[in-house]
Amino acid sequence: ARHSYATSVCLANGVSIENVAKMLGHSNIKMTQHYARVLDSSILKDMNNVRDVLSNCL
């Protein structure tokens, strides 16, 4: 349940991993990273954001 909460609810909706750590009561972000696998959709979104920023610089 904690893994699903961290990935499906929080990270998939743009909540930072630091805030997820606090929500889960973790004192160390490494524990949160155990639960929070990186979502492919999140990677794609970030890659598109970087592409857009770089395109605007040219």
N, C-alpha and C. Protein backbone atom coordinates (compact mmCIF):
# COMPACT_ATOMS: atom_id res chain seq x y z
N ALA A 1 0.82 -1.19 0.00
CA ALA A 1 0.00 0.00 0.00
C ALA A 1 0.87 1.26 0.00
N ARG A 2 1.96 1.25 0.76
CA ARG A 2 2.83 2.43 0.81
C ARG A 2 3.48 2.68 -0.54
N HIS A 3 3.89 1.61 -1.21
CA HIS A 3 4.51 1.73 -2.52
C HIS A 3 3.53 2.33 -3.51
N SER A 4 2.30 1.83 -3.50
CA SER A 4 1.27 2.35 -4.41
C SER A 4 0.97 3.81 -4.12
N TYR A 5 0.89 4.16 -2.85
CA TYR A 5 0.63 5.55 -2.48
C TYR A 5 1.75 6.45 -2.99
N ALA A 6 2.99 6.02 -2.78
CA ALA A 6 4.13 6.84 -3.18
C ALA A 6 4.20 7.03 -4.68
N THR A 7 3.94 5.97 -5.45
CA THR A 7 4.08 6.07 -6.90
C THR A 7 2.80 6.53 -7.58
N SER A 8 1.72 5.84 -7.36
CA SER A 8 0.48 6.11 -8.09
C SER A 8 -0.18 7.41 -7.68
N VAL A 9 -0.19 7.69 -6.41
CA VAL A 9 -0.91 8.87 -5.94
C VAL A 9 -0.02 10.11 -5.94
N CYS A 10 1.14 10.01 -5.36
CA CYS A 10 1.97 11.20 -5.16
C CYS A 10 2.85 11.54 -6.36
N LEU A 11 3.81 10.69 -6.66
CA LEU A 11 4.78 11.02 -7.69
C LEU A 11 4.14 11.16 -9.06
N ALA A 12 3.14 10.36 -9.36
CA ALA A 12 2.47 10.45 -10.66
C ALA A 12 1.69 11.75 -10.81
N ASN A 13 1.45 12.42 -9.70
CA ASN A 13 0.71 13.69 -9.74
C ASN A 13 1.59 14.88 -9.42
N GLY A 14 2.90 14.70 -9.57
CA GLY A 14 3.82 15.82 -9.47
C GLY A 14 4.29 16.20 -8.08
N VAL A 15 4.00 15.39 -7.08
CA VAL A 15 4.48 15.68 -5.72
C VAL A 15 5.96 15.33 -5.67
N SER A 16 6.77 16.22 -5.13
CA SER A 16 8.22 15.97 -5.07
C SER A 16 8.52 14.81 -4.13
N ILE A 17 9.64 14.15 -4.39
CA ILE A 17 10.02 13.00 -3.56
C ILE A 17 10.30 13.45 -2.12
N GLU A 18 10.76 14.69 -1.96
CA GLU A 18 11.00 15.21 -0.61
C GLU A 18 9.69 15.30 0.17
N ASN A 19 8.64 15.77 -0.49
CA ASN A 19 7.35 15.87 0.19
C ASN A 19 6.74 14.50 0.43
N VAL A 20 6.94 13.57 -0.50
CA VAL A 20 6.45 12.20 -0.30
C VAL A 20 7.13 11.60 0.93
N ALA A 21 8.43 11.85 1.07
CA ALA A 21 9.17 11.34 2.23
C ALA A 21 8.54 11.85 3.53
N LYS A 22 8.21 13.12 3.56
CA LYS A 22 7.60 13.69 4.77
C LYS A 22 6.22 13.09 5.01
N MET A 23 5.44 12.90 3.94
CA MET A 23 4.10 12.32 4.08
C MET A 23 4.16 10.90 4.63
N LEU A 24 5.21 10.17 4.24
CA LEU A 24 5.35 8.79 4.70
C LEU A 24 6.06 8.70 6.06
N GLY A 25 6.52 9.84 6.57
CA GLY A 25 7.18 9.86 7.86
C GLY A 25 8.63 9.40 7.83
N HIS A 26 9.26 9.49 6.67
CA HIS A 26 10.66 9.08 6.54
C HIS A 26 11.58 10.22 6.93
N SER A 27 12.60 9.91 7.71
CA SER A 27 13.59 10.93 8.06
C SER A 27 14.71 10.98 7.03
N ASN A 28 14.78 9.95 6.18
CA ASN A 28 15.83 9.85 5.18
C ASN A 28 15.19 9.58 3.82
N ILE A 29 15.54 10.35 2.81
CA ILE A 29 14.93 10.21 1.49
C ILE A 29 15.26 8.86 0.84
N LYS A 30 16.34 8.22 1.26
CA LYS A 30 16.71 6.92 0.70
C LYS A 30 15.62 5.88 0.97
N MET A 31 14.97 5.97 2.10
CA MET A 31 13.88 5.05 2.41
C MET A 31 12.72 5.28 1.44
N THR A 32 12.44 6.53 1.14
CA THR A 32 11.36 6.85 0.21
C THR A 32 11.68 6.33 -1.18
N GLN A 33 12.94 6.43 -1.58
CA GLN A 33 13.35 5.95 -2.89
C GLN A 33 13.13 4.45 -3.02
N HIS A 34 13.15 3.75 -1.91
CA HIS A 34 12.87 2.31 -1.91
C HIS A 34 11.44 2.06 -2.38
N TYR A 35 10.51 2.88 -1.94
CA TYR A 35 9.11 2.72 -2.31
C TYR A 35 8.78 3.35 -3.65
N ALA A 36 9.49 4.38 -4.00
CA ALA A 36 9.11 5.21 -5.14
C ALA A 36 9.91 4.86 -6.38
N ARG A 37 9.42 3.94 -7.15
CA ARG A 37 10.09 3.64 -8.42
C ARG A 37 9.77 4.77 -9.40
N VAL A 38 10.67 4.99 -10.30
CA VAL A 38 10.48 6.06 -11.28
C VAL A 38 9.45 5.61 -12.31
N LEU A 39 8.50 6.46 -12.57
CA LEU A 39 7.45 6.14 -13.53
C LEU A 39 7.87 6.56 -14.93
N ASP A 40 7.62 5.68 -15.91
CA ASP A 40 7.95 6.00 -17.30
C ASP A 40 7.27 7.28 -17.75
N SER A 41 6.03 7.48 -17.33
CA SER A 41 5.31 8.69 -17.73
C SER A 41 5.98 9.93 -17.16
N SER A 42 6.54 9.82 -15.97
CA SER A 42 7.23 10.94 -15.35
C SER A 42 8.51 11.26 -16.11
N ILE A 43 9.23 10.24 -16.53
CA ILE A 43 10.45 10.44 -17.30
C ILE A 43 10.12 11.12 -18.62
N LEU A 44 9.09 10.65 -19.30
CA LEU A 44 8.70 11.24 -20.58
C LEU A 44 8.30 12.70 -20.41
N LYS A 45 7.55 12.99 -19.37
CA LYS A 45 7.12 14.37 -19.11
C LYS A 45 8.34 15.26 -18.89
N ASP A 46 9.29 14.80 -18.07
CA ASP A 46 10.49 15.59 -17.80
C ASP A 46 11.33 15.78 -19.05
N MET A 47 11.45 14.74 -19.86
CA MET A 47 12.21 14.85 -21.10
C MET A 47 11.57 15.87 -22.04
N ASN A 48 10.25 15.86 -22.12
CA ASN A 48 9.55 16.82 -22.96
C ASN A 48 9.74 18.24 -22.45
N ASN A 49 9.73 18.42 -21.13
CA ASN A 49 9.96 19.75 -20.55
C ASN A 49 11.35 20.26 -20.89
N VAL A 50 12.35 19.40 -20.79
CA VAL A 50 13.72 19.79 -21.13
C VAL A 50 13.81 20.14 -22.61
N ARG A 51 13.19 19.34 -23.46
CA ARG A 51 13.19 19.62 -24.90
C ARG A 51 12.58 20.99 -25.18
N ASP A 52 11.46 21.29 -24.52
CA ASP A 52 10.80 22.57 -24.74
C ASP A 52 11.67 23.74 -24.29
N VAL A 53 12.32 23.59 -23.16
CA VAL A 53 13.20 24.66 -22.66
C VAL A 53 14.36 24.88 -23.63
N LEU A 54 14.96 23.79 -24.07
CA LEU A 54 16.09 23.91 -25.00
C LEU A 54 15.65 24.49 -26.34
N SER A 55 14.47 24.12 -26.80
CA SER A 55 13.96 24.65 -28.06
C SER A 55 13.76 26.16 -27.99
N ASN A 56 13.34 26.64 -26.84
CA ASN A 56 13.11 28.07 -26.66
C ASN A 56 14.41 28.86 -26.57
N CYS A 57 15.51 28.17 -26.26
CA CYS A 57 16.81 28.84 -26.15
C CYS A 57 17.48 29.02 -27.50
N LEU A 58 17.06 28.27 -28.48
CA LEU A 58 17.73 28.32 -29.79
C LEU A 58 17.19 29.41 -30.67
